[in-house]
Every structure is written in C-alpha cells, then in structure tokens.
Amino acid sequence: MFNVGDYVTRNSYNNDIVFKIVDIQGDTYYLKGVSVRLYADSSKNDLVICDTINENDGFRPSIDEYRDLNRNEYFYLPGRILHLDGDEEYLEKCMNFYKKNKIRAYGLYLKEDNMPIKVTELIKKYNPDILVLTGHDSFSRNKRNKYKNTSSFVEAVSEARKYEKSHDKLFIIAGACQSNYEDLIKAGANFASSPKRINIHALDPAIVASCLSFSNKNEDIDIIKILDKTKYGPSGMGGIITKGSMYIGYPR
C-alpha cells in the first residue's frame, strides 16, 4: 500500500531515481523527483518503497576552489544572484546551497508561465548580476508541443535581454529537465539545459550560478571546469564563454 508522501523508485527504470508520491488518482501514482527536476506518473505495480533517502541522491557538489581566495590583501565582491524557481522544494535546496557558500542570493517561487510577465520587474527590484530561471520541463517526441515549459523560459530570457543586452553584465542561467538548450542560448542565456535532453539535478543551475558568482570579472570563465561541477556535466548543462561577475579590490 502506497500513500502520498512515500518515497519510491520504479522497477521499469531500474530504480534509478528516487521519487516522492505527490498525488494518487485511481491506479495512477503521480511522482516528483527528490533531487532530479522531474515529474512522472506510474502504476502501482511498478513502484517499490525506498527506505533510505540520501540527501541529493548522494551528490555532494563543492565549489571550494572558487572560494579559496587571497583574503590577506584583497577584498572581493561576488556576483549577486536572483533565482526564480517553479518548484518550492528545489528552490529551498538551492537557497541552502547559496547560504552554505556565503553567496548573496534572492530566491522566489514563481510558476514557469509567470516568469516572462514578472522577470523585468524583479530584475529592477533586486538588481542581480546573475539570473536563474528554472523549475520543471519535459521533452516528448510524440506531442505537437514537444516541450512543457521551454517556451516560458525562452520568453523570460528574451524579456530579460530586452532590459540588459550584455551577456557580461547580466548572466542568465535557464531551463530545467530536458529543456530546448539551443532555443534558450539563442534567446540570450549564458548557460542553459539540456544539450542531450536529459534530466538535470535540482542543484545544477545553482552550482553554475555560484561558480559565476566567484569568477573574476576581468578573466574568461573556465566553462569546462564549471560544467564539470554539475551532476551530469555537459550532457545536462552547456553555455558560452564570457567574463566572470566578481570584482576584486585592494587593499583589504
């Protein structure tokens, strides 16, 4: 017997992802990934209870080398982050990651289809250096509209670029699981998901944003190093080479 709130895996997918049951309608169980930005549904017969839950599925991202700075003589002004997320639980995970790394970040829960409407107003209010637009998405070859939320992310990126055209002045990270990477980059995103149309980890957009926050404004970012910090690397996230967002000052 399964109940809403139970943690489960699916036999048909080799029990690869841990889900939480969020709704039950008849014999259809609606699931949300615990650490992967994924909604799914399943029949009861395919589900197995998961008794052991590893925080972030055992993924322990670290950006310590970005934060290893010469604090004896210099001072640093890392980039400020505005994170808009279509999922409250994933947003909380990301905000905890920013807090752990001592990054100034503002987080707001906002459904994907409201992001194009609100994004310019929120940029003006919070004045971020880095904008994260994420939540949920999906890709289906069999549907006429193949992507669930990519169009909302694309519109939001386009609206943000109307406000600030320079990729070096406003860094934009956009997309979620299986999003249309090419369309997001064309719309003006610095980084986007998903080059291989795979699922991404809940923390992947926050990891990229944090690396950008601690990257020198006078030097090109190491794009491969940043992507290697994410759960799925360049299969899940990709982007363009720009300068960083952090100012360095002297003396301390």
C-alpha atoms as a PDB file:
ATOM      1  CA  MET A   1       0.000   0.000   0.000  1.00  0.00           C
ATOM      2  CA  PHE A   2       1.401   3.380  -1.006  1.00  0.00           C
ATOM      3  CA  ASN A   3       0.460   6.798   0.351  1.00  0.00           C
ATOM      4  CA  VAL A   4       1.070  10.412  -0.635  1.00  0.00           C
ATOM      5  CA  GLY A   5       4.454  11.405   0.773  1.00  0.00           C
ATOM      6  CA  ASP A   6       6.033   7.947   0.418  1.00  0.00           C
ATOM      7  CA  TYR A   7       9.434   7.701  -1.277  1.00  0.00           C
ATOM      8  CA  VAL A   8       9.549   5.208  -4.140  1.00  0.00           C
ATOM      9  CA  THR A   9      11.522   4.049  -7.173  1.00  0.00           C
ATOM     10  CA  ARG A  10      10.334   2.463 -10.446  1.00  0.00           C
ATOM     11  CA  ASN A  11      11.261  -1.100 -11.410  1.00  0.00           C
ATOM     12  CA  SER A  12      10.864  -0.356 -15.113  1.00  0.00           C
ATOM     13  CA  TYR A  13      13.668   2.236 -14.897  1.00  0.00           C
ATOM     14  CA  ASN A  14      15.998   0.051 -12.815  1.00  0.00           C
ATOM     15  CA  ASN A  15      15.087   2.053  -9.705  1.00  0.00           C
ATOM     16  CA  ASP A  16      17.464   4.799 -10.840  1.00  0.00           C
ATOM     17  CA  ILE A  17      15.612   7.839  -9.437  1.00  0.00           C
ATOM     18  CA  VAL A  18      14.020   8.364  -6.027  1.00  0.00           C
ATOM     19  CA  PHE A  19      10.582   9.981  -6.204  1.00  0.00           C
ATOM     20  CA  LYS A  20       8.051  11.264  -3.717  1.00  0.00           C
ATOM     21  CA  ILE A  21       4.390  10.389  -4.316  1.00  0.00           C
ATOM     22  CA  VAL A  22       2.565  13.719  -4.611  1.00  0.00           C
ATOM     23  CA  ASP A  23      -0.889  12.518  -5.722  1.00  0.00           C
ATOM     24  CA  ILE A  24      -2.877   9.333  -6.298  1.00  0.00           C
ATOM     25  CA  GLN A  25      -5.780   9.093  -8.728  1.00  0.00           C
ATOM     26  CA  GLY A  26      -7.159   5.579  -9.101  1.00  0.00           C
ATOM     27  CA  ASP A  27      -4.284   3.323 -10.092  1.00  0.00           C
ATOM     28  CA  THR A  28      -2.151   6.237 -11.302  1.00  0.00           C
ATOM     29  CA  TYR A  29       0.519   7.499  -8.933  1.00  0.00           C
ATOM     30  CA  TYR A  30       1.961  10.960  -9.594  1.00  0.00           C
ATOM     31  CA  LEU A  31       5.618  11.349  -8.679  1.00  0.00           C
ATOM     32  CA  LYS A  32       8.181  14.100  -8.193  1.00  0.00           C
ATOM     33  CA  GLY A  33      11.922  13.519  -8.176  1.00  0.00           C
ATOM     34  CA  VAL A  34      13.543  14.102  -4.802  1.00  0.00           C
ATOM     35  CA  SER A  35      16.726  15.530  -6.321  1.00  0.00           C
ATOM     36  CA  VAL A  36      16.122  15.383 -10.077  1.00  0.00           C
ATOM     37  CA  ARG A  37      13.846  18.057 -11.577  1.00  0.00           C
ATOM     38  CA  LEU A  38      11.359  15.527 -12.895  1.00  0.00           C
ATOM     39  CA  TYR A  39       7.625  14.823 -12.684  1.00  0.00           C
ATOM     40  CA  ALA A  40       6.391  11.375 -13.697  1.00  0.00           C
ATOM     41  CA  ASP A  41       3.480   9.005 -13.231  1.00  0.00           C
ATOM     42  CA  SER A  42       3.369   5.295 -12.660  1.00  0.00           C
ATOM     43  CA  SER A  43       1.115   2.350 -11.985  1.00  0.00           C
ATOM     44  CA  LYS A  44       1.132   0.850  -8.509  1.00  0.00           C
ATOM     45  CA  ASN A  45       2.678  -2.409  -9.733  1.00  0.00           C
ATOM     46  CA  ASP A  46       5.839  -0.634 -10.951  1.00  0.00           C
ATOM     47  CA  LEU A  47       6.637   1.054  -7.637  1.00  0.00           C
ATOM     48  CA  VAL A  48       8.958  -0.026  -4.832  1.00  0.00           C
ATOM     49  CA  ILE A  49       9.209   1.686  -1.444  1.00  0.00           C
ATOM     50  CA  CYS A  50      12.560   3.392  -0.861  1.00  0.00           C
ATOM     51  CA  ASP A  51      13.519   3.249   2.806  1.00  0.00           C
ATOM     52  CA  THR A  52      16.885   5.018   2.584  1.00  0.00           C
ATOM     53  CA  ILE A  53      16.980   8.585   1.272  1.00  0.00           C
ATOM     54  CA  ASN A  54      20.399  10.090   0.572  1.00  0.00           C
ATOM     55  CA  GLU A  55      20.401  13.897   0.559  1.00  0.00           C
ATOM     56  CA  ASN A  56      20.700  14.994  -3.088  1.00  0.00           C
ATOM     57  CA  ASP A  57      20.954  11.305  -4.126  1.00  0.00           C
ATOM     58  CA  GLY A  58      24.467  11.171  -2.676  1.00  0.00           C
ATOM     59  CA  PHE A  59      25.645  14.052  -4.881  1.00  0.00           C
ATOM     60  CA  ARG A  60      27.842  16.426  -2.843  1.00  0.00           C
ATOM     61  CA  PRO A  61      28.758  19.389  -5.029  1.00  0.00           C
ATOM     62  CA  SER A  62      31.636  21.600  -3.947  1.00  0.00           C
ATOM     63  CA  ILE A  63      32.883  24.938  -5.249  1.00  0.00           C
ATOM     64  CA  ASP A  64      35.562  25.278  -2.560  1.00  0.00           C
ATOM     65  CA  GLU A  65      38.350  26.081  -5.033  1.00  0.00           C
ATOM     66  CA  TYR A  66      36.311  29.039  -6.294  1.00  0.00           C
ATOM     67  CA  ARG A  67      36.025  30.332  -2.722  1.00  0.00           C
ATOM     68  CA  ASP A  68      39.727  29.769  -1.926  1.00  0.00           C
ATOM     69  CA  LEU A  69      40.697  33.434  -2.226  1.00  0.00           C
ATOM     70  CA  ASN A  70      43.645  35.539  -1.009  1.00  0.00           C
ATOM     71  CA  ARG A  71      41.883  37.296   1.847  1.00  0.00           C
ATOM     72  CA  ASN A  72      45.041  38.785   3.405  1.00  0.00           C
ATOM     73  CA  GLU A  73      45.461  41.661   0.970  1.00  0.00           C
ATOM     74  CA  TYR A  74      42.462  41.733  -1.376  1.00  0.00           C
ATOM     75  CA  PHE A  75      38.714  42.046  -0.901  1.00  0.00           C
ATOM     76  CA  TYR A  76      36.051  40.501  -3.113  1.00  0.00           C
ATOM     77  CA  LEU A  77      32.567  41.375  -4.324  1.00  0.00           C
ATOM     78  CA  PRO A  78      30.981  38.167  -5.687  1.00  0.00           C
ATOM     79  CA  GLY A  79      28.079  38.453  -8.104  1.00  0.00           C
ATOM     80  CA  ARG A  80      24.557  38.737  -6.652  1.00  0.00           C
ATOM     81  CA  ILE A  81      22.031  36.067  -7.674  1.00  0.00           C
ATOM     82  CA  LEU A  82      18.284  36.247  -8.315  1.00  0.00           C
ATOM     83  CA  HIS A  83      16.886  32.719  -8.503  1.00  0.00           C
ATOM     84  CA  LEU A  84      13.337  32.203  -9.843  1.00  0.00           C
ATOM     85  CA  ASP A  85      12.152  28.621  -9.471  1.00  0.00           C
ATOM     86  CA  GLY A  86       8.921  26.875 -10.414  1.00  0.00           C
ATOM     87  CA  ASP A  87       9.337  24.401  -7.544  1.00  0.00           C
ATOM     88  CA  GLU A  88       9.419  25.461  -3.894  1.00  0.00           C
ATOM     89  CA  GLU A  89      11.270  22.400  -2.614  1.00  0.00           C
ATOM     90  CA  TYR A  90      14.032  22.640  -5.205  1.00  0.00           C
ATOM     91  CA  LEU A  91      14.285  26.373  -4.573  1.00  0.00           C
ATOM     92  CA  GLU A  92      14.897  25.685  -0.877  1.00  0.00           C
ATOM     93  CA  LYS A  93      17.685  23.242  -1.764  1.00  0.00           C
ATOM     94  CA  CYS A  94      19.321  25.871  -3.974  1.00  0.00           C
ATOM     95  CA  MET A  95      18.977  28.630  -1.385  1.00  0.00           C
ATOM     96  CA  ASN A  96      20.643  26.391   1.194  1.00  0.00           C
ATOM     97  CA  PHE A  97      23.497  25.833  -1.259  1.00  0.00           C
ATOM     98  CA  TYR A  98      23.965  29.593  -1.727  1.00  0.00           C
ATOM     99  CA  LYS A  99      23.830  30.137   2.043  1.00  0.00           C
ATOM    100  CA  LYS A 100      26.418  27.419   2.648  1.00  0.00           C
ATOM    101  CA  ASN A 101      28.766  29.127   0.184  1.00  0.00           C
ATOM    102  CA  LYS A 102      28.095  32.619   1.605  1.00  0.00           C
ATOM    103  CA  ILE A 103      26.640  33.982  -1.634  1.00  0.00           C
ATOM    104  CA  ARG A 104      24.194  36.872  -1.624  1.00  0.00           C
ATOM    105  CA  ALA A 105      21.126  35.389  -3.306  1.00  0.00           C
ATOM    106  CA  TYR A 106      17.427  36.171  -3.523  1.00  0.00           C
ATOM    107  CA  GLY A 107      15.048  33.298  -4.205  1.00  0.00           C
ATOM    108  CA  LEU A 108      11.433  33.483  -5.343  1.00  0.00           C
ATOM    109  CA  TYR A 109       8.948  30.726  -6.105  1.00  0.00           C
ATOM    110  CA  LEU A 110       7.310  31.604  -9.413  1.00  0.00           C
ATOM    111  CA  LYS A 111       5.499  29.298 -11.817  1.00  0.00           C
ATOM    112  CA  GLU A 112       7.195  28.972 -15.163  1.00  0.00           C
ATOM    113  CA  ASP A 113       4.414  30.640 -17.193  1.00  0.00           C
ATOM    114  CA  ASN A 114       4.573  33.726 -14.939  1.00  0.00           C
ATOM    115  CA  MET A 115       8.311  34.230 -15.381  1.00  0.00           C
ATOM    116  CA  PRO A 116       8.077  36.221 -18.656  1.00  0.00           C
ATOM    117  CA  ILE A 117       5.496  38.523 -17.040  1.00  0.00           C
ATOM    118  CA  LYS A 118       7.439  39.194 -13.841  1.00  0.00           C
ATOM    119  CA  VAL A 119      11.110  38.914 -14.769  1.00  0.00           C
ATOM    120  CA  THR A 120      11.820  42.533 -15.765  1.00  0.00           C
ATOM    121  CA  GLU A 121      10.085  43.906 -12.666  1.00  0.00           C
ATOM    122  CA  LEU A 122      12.112  41.559 -10.457  1.00  0.00           C
ATOM    123  CA  ILE A 123      15.417  42.416 -12.146  1.00  0.00           C
ATOM    124  CA  LYS A 124      14.738  46.094 -11.473  1.00  0.00           C
ATOM    125  CA  LYS A 125      13.863  45.350  -7.845  1.00  0.00           C
ATOM    126  CA  TYR A 126      16.791  43.074  -6.947  1.00  0.00           C
ATOM    127  CA  ASN A 127      19.439  44.292  -9.430  1.00  0.00           C
ATOM    128  CA  PRO A 128      21.180  40.910  -9.779  1.00  0.00           C
ATOM    129  CA  ASP A 129      24.394  40.124 -11.606  1.00  0.00           C
ATOM    130  CA  ILE A 130      23.182  36.565 -12.216  1.00  0.00           C
ATOM    131  CA  LEU A 131      19.625  35.473 -13.045  1.00  0.00           C
ATOM    132  CA  VAL A 132      18.486  31.853 -12.682  1.00  0.00           C
ATOM    133  CA  LEU A 133      15.237  30.774 -14.392  1.00  0.00           C
ATOM    134  CA  THR A 134      14.387  27.149 -13.637  1.00  0.00           C
ATOM    135  CA  GLY A 135      11.718  24.773 -12.420  1.00  0.00           C
ATOM    136  CA  HIS A 136      10.252  21.895 -14.411  1.00  0.00           C
ATOM    137  CA  ASP A 137      10.267  20.966 -18.082  1.00  0.00           C
ATOM    138  CA  SER A 138       9.975  17.832 -20.216  1.00  0.00           C
ATOM    139  CA  PHE A 139      10.511  16.661 -23.765  1.00  0.00           C
ATOM    140  CA  SER A 140       8.174  14.356 -25.705  1.00  0.00           C
ATOM    141  CA  ARG A 141       8.766  13.352 -29.318  1.00  0.00           C
ATOM    142  CA  ASN A 142       5.136  12.312 -29.695  1.00  0.00           C
ATOM    143  CA  LYS A 143       3.497  15.617 -28.777  1.00  0.00           C
ATOM    144  CA  ARG A 144       2.922  18.555 -31.096  1.00  0.00           C
ATOM    145  CA  ASN A 145       4.277  20.913 -28.443  1.00  0.00           C
ATOM    146  CA  LYS A 146       7.323  18.835 -27.579  1.00  0.00           C
ATOM    147  CA  TYR A 147       8.469  20.873 -24.562  1.00  0.00           C
ATOM    148  CA  LYS A 148       6.339  21.504 -21.493  1.00  0.00           C
ATOM    149  CA  ASN A 149       7.870  24.786 -20.265  1.00  0.00           C
ATOM    150  CA  THR A 150      10.747  25.690 -22.589  1.00  0.00           C
ATOM    151  CA  SER A 151       8.676  28.397 -24.297  1.00  0.00           C
ATOM    152  CA  SER A 152       8.142  30.133 -20.934  1.00  0.00           C
ATOM    153  CA  PHE A 153      11.848  30.028 -20.169  1.00  0.00           C
ATOM    154  CA  VAL A 154      12.676  31.347 -23.673  1.00  0.00           C
ATOM    155  CA  GLU A 155      10.201  34.225 -23.276  1.00  0.00           C
ATOM    156  CA  ALA A 156      11.600  35.088 -19.857  1.00  0.00           C
ATOM    157  CA  VAL A 157      15.178  35.103 -21.180  1.00  0.00           C
ATOM    158  CA  SER A 158      14.103  37.327 -24.087  1.00  0.00           C
ATOM    159  CA  GLU A 159      12.387  39.781 -21.723  1.00  0.00           C
ATOM    160  CA  ALA A 160      15.478  39.899 -19.501  1.00  0.00           C
ATOM    161  CA  ARG A 161      17.667  40.570 -22.543  1.00  0.00           C
ATOM    162  CA  LYS A 162      15.445  43.489 -23.552  1.00  0.00           C
ATOM    163  CA  TYR A 163      16.369  45.018 -20.193  1.00  0.00           C
ATOM    164  CA  GLU A 164      20.092  44.126 -20.318  1.00  0.00           C
ATOM    165  CA  LYS A 165      21.547  43.010 -23.641  1.00  0.00           C
ATOM    166  CA  SER A 166      25.113  42.325 -22.475  1.00  0.00           C
ATOM    167  CA  HIS A 167      25.953  38.735 -21.534  1.00  0.00           C
ATOM    168  CA  ASP A 168      28.792  40.131 -19.386  1.00  0.00           C
ATOM    169  CA  LYS A 169      26.541  42.422 -17.324  1.00  0.00           C
ATOM    170  CA  LEU A 170      23.607  40.084 -16.682  1.00  0.00           C
ATOM    171  CA  PHE A 171      24.389  36.390 -16.621  1.00  0.00           C
ATOM    172  CA  ILE A 172      21.343  34.211 -17.317  1.00  0.00           C
ATOM    173  CA  ILE A 173      21.031  30.507 -16.492  1.00  0.00           C
ATOM    174  CA  ALA A 174      17.807  28.991 -17.822  1.00  0.00           C
ATOM    175  CA  GLY A 175      15.985  25.694 -18.217  1.00  0.00           C
ATOM    176  CA  ALA A 176      15.175  22.503 -16.375  1.00  0.00           C
ATOM    177  CA  CYS A 177      14.948  18.795 -17.223  1.00  0.00           C
ATOM    178  CA  GLN A 178      15.076  18.116 -20.982  1.00  0.00           C
ATOM    179  CA  SER A 179      14.689  21.790 -21.982  1.00  0.00           C
ATOM    180  CA  ASN A 180      15.500  23.008 -25.502  1.00  0.00           C
ATOM    181  CA  TYR A 181      19.105  24.080 -24.983  1.00  0.00           C
ATOM    182  CA  GLU A 182      19.591  25.623 -28.414  1.00  0.00           C
ATOM    183  CA  ASP A 183      16.497  27.857 -28.187  1.00  0.00           C
ATOM    184  CA  LEU A 184      17.486  29.100 -24.730  1.00  0.00           C
ATOM    185  CA  ILE A 185      21.010  30.000 -25.849  1.00  0.00           C
ATOM    186  CA  LYS A 186      19.647  31.752 -28.956  1.00  0.00           C
ATOM    187  CA  ALA A 187      17.242  33.739 -26.748  1.00  0.00           C
ATOM    188  CA  GLY A 188      20.185  35.097 -24.765  1.00  0.00           C
ATOM    189  CA  ALA A 189      21.009  32.680 -21.950  1.00  0.00           C
ATOM    190  CA  ASN A 190      24.654  32.342 -20.878  1.00  0.00           C
ATOM    191  CA  PHE A 191      24.014  28.794 -19.666  1.00  0.00           C
ATOM    192  CA  ALA A 192      21.087  26.504 -20.358  1.00  0.00           C
ATOM    193  CA  SER A 193      19.826  22.938 -20.143  1.00  0.00           C
ATOM    194  CA  SER A 194      19.720  20.397 -21.627  1.00  0.00           C
ATOM    195  CA  PRO A 195      22.157  19.720 -24.528  1.00  0.00           C
ATOM    196  CA  LYS A 196      21.375  15.991 -24.542  1.00  0.00           C
ATOM    197  CA  ARG A 197      17.722  16.429 -23.419  1.00  0.00           C
ATOM    198  CA  ILE A 198      18.424  14.569 -20.178  1.00  0.00           C
ATOM    199  CA  ASN A 199      17.172  15.241 -16.674  1.00  0.00           C
ATOM    200  CA  ILE A 200      19.226  17.603 -14.504  1.00  0.00           C
ATOM    201  CA  HIS A 201      19.879  17.661 -10.788  1.00  0.00           C
ATOM    202  CA  ALA A 202      17.927  20.137  -8.665  1.00  0.00           C
ATOM    203  CA  LEU A 203      21.180  21.922  -7.751  1.00  0.00           C
ATOM    204  CA  ASP A 204      22.738  22.126 -11.236  1.00  0.00           C
ATOM    205  CA  PRO A 205      21.526  25.692 -12.055  1.00  0.00           C
ATOM    206  CA  ALA A 206      22.621  26.874  -8.584  1.00  0.00           C
ATOM    207  CA  ILE A 207      26.060  25.296  -8.992  1.00  0.00           C
ATOM    208  CA  VAL A 208      26.633  27.147 -12.277  1.00  0.00           C
ATOM    209  CA  ALA A 209      25.356  30.399 -10.754  1.00  0.00           C
ATOM    210  CA  SER A 210      27.661  30.019  -7.744  1.00  0.00           C
ATOM    211  CA  CYS A 211      30.711  29.391  -9.929  1.00  0.00           C
ATOM    212  CA  LEU A 212      29.890  32.513 -11.936  1.00  0.00           C
ATOM    213  CA  SER A 213      29.465  34.483  -8.720  1.00  0.00           C
ATOM    214  CA  PHE A 214      33.061  33.691  -7.710  1.00  0.00           C
ATOM    215  CA  SER A 215      34.616  34.081 -11.182  1.00  0.00           C
ATOM    216  CA  ASN A 216      36.889  37.080 -11.844  1.00  0.00           C
ATOM    217  CA  LYS A 217      35.203  39.854 -13.821  1.00  0.00           C
ATOM    218  CA  ASN A 218      38.453  40.519 -15.731  1.00  0.00           C
ATOM    219  CA  GLU A 219      39.078  36.947 -16.851  1.00  0.00           C
ATOM    220  CA  ASP A 220      37.298  34.465 -19.103  1.00  0.00           C
ATOM    221  CA  ILE A 221      35.421  31.783 -17.204  1.00  0.00           C
ATOM    222  CA  ASP A 222      36.652  28.184 -17.363  1.00  0.00           C
ATOM    223  CA  ILE A 223      33.471  26.771 -18.879  1.00  0.00           C
ATOM    224  CA  ILE A 224      34.560  23.125 -18.775  1.00  0.00           C
ATOM    225  CA  LYS A 225      35.545  23.396 -15.115  1.00  0.00           C
ATOM    226  CA  ILE A 226      32.149  24.924 -14.266  1.00  0.00           C
ATOM    227  CA  LEU A 227      30.158  22.278 -16.132  1.00  0.00           C
ATOM    228  CA  ASP A 228      32.200  19.502 -14.530  1.00  0.00           C
ATOM    229  CA  LYS A 229      30.913  20.704 -11.144  1.00  0.00           C
ATOM    230  CA  THR A 230      27.345  19.786 -12.088  1.00  0.00           C
ATOM    231  CA  LYS A 231      25.839  16.330 -11.661  1.00  0.00           C
ATOM    232  CA  TYR A 232      25.647  15.447 -15.359  1.00  0.00           C
ATOM    233  CA  GLY A 233      28.287  17.739 -16.863  1.00  0.00           C
ATOM    234  CA  PRO A 234      27.906  18.982 -20.467  1.00  0.00           C
ATOM    235  CA  SER A 235      25.135  16.480 -21.169  1.00  0.00           C
ATOM    236  CA  GLY A 236      22.860  18.341 -18.753  1.00  0.00           C
ATOM    237  CA  MET A 237      24.111  21.950 -18.972  1.00  0.00           C
ATOM    238  CA  GLY A 238      26.011  24.000 -21.534  1.00  0.00           C
ATOM    239  CA  GLY A 239      26.850  27.615 -22.199  1.00  0.00           C
ATOM    240  CA  ILE A 240      29.053  30.310 -23.687  1.00  0.00           C
ATOM    241  CA  ILE A 241      32.390  31.727 -22.547  1.00  0.00           C
ATOM    242  CA  THR A 242      32.194  35.202 -21.002  1.00  0.00           C
ATOM    243  CA  LYS A 243      33.987  37.074 -18.235  1.00  0.00           C
ATOM    244  CA  GLY A 244      33.068  36.349 -14.609  1.00  0.00           C
ATOM    245  CA  SER A 245      30.951  38.503 -12.276  1.00  0.00           C
ATOM    246  CA  MET A 246      33.216  39.049  -9.232  1.00  0.00           C
ATOM    247  CA  TYR A 247      35.033  42.337  -8.595  1.00  0.00           C
ATOM    248  CA  ILE A 248      38.391  42.188  -6.803  1.00  0.00           C
ATOM    249  CA  GLY A 249      39.624  45.146  -4.737  1.00  0.00           C
ATOM    250  CA  TYR A 250      42.781  46.222  -2.936  1.00  0.00           C
ATOM    251  CA  PRO A 251      43.682  46.779  -0.125  1.00  0.00           C
ATOM    252  CA  ARG A 252      41.507  44.725   2.161  1.00  0.00           C
END
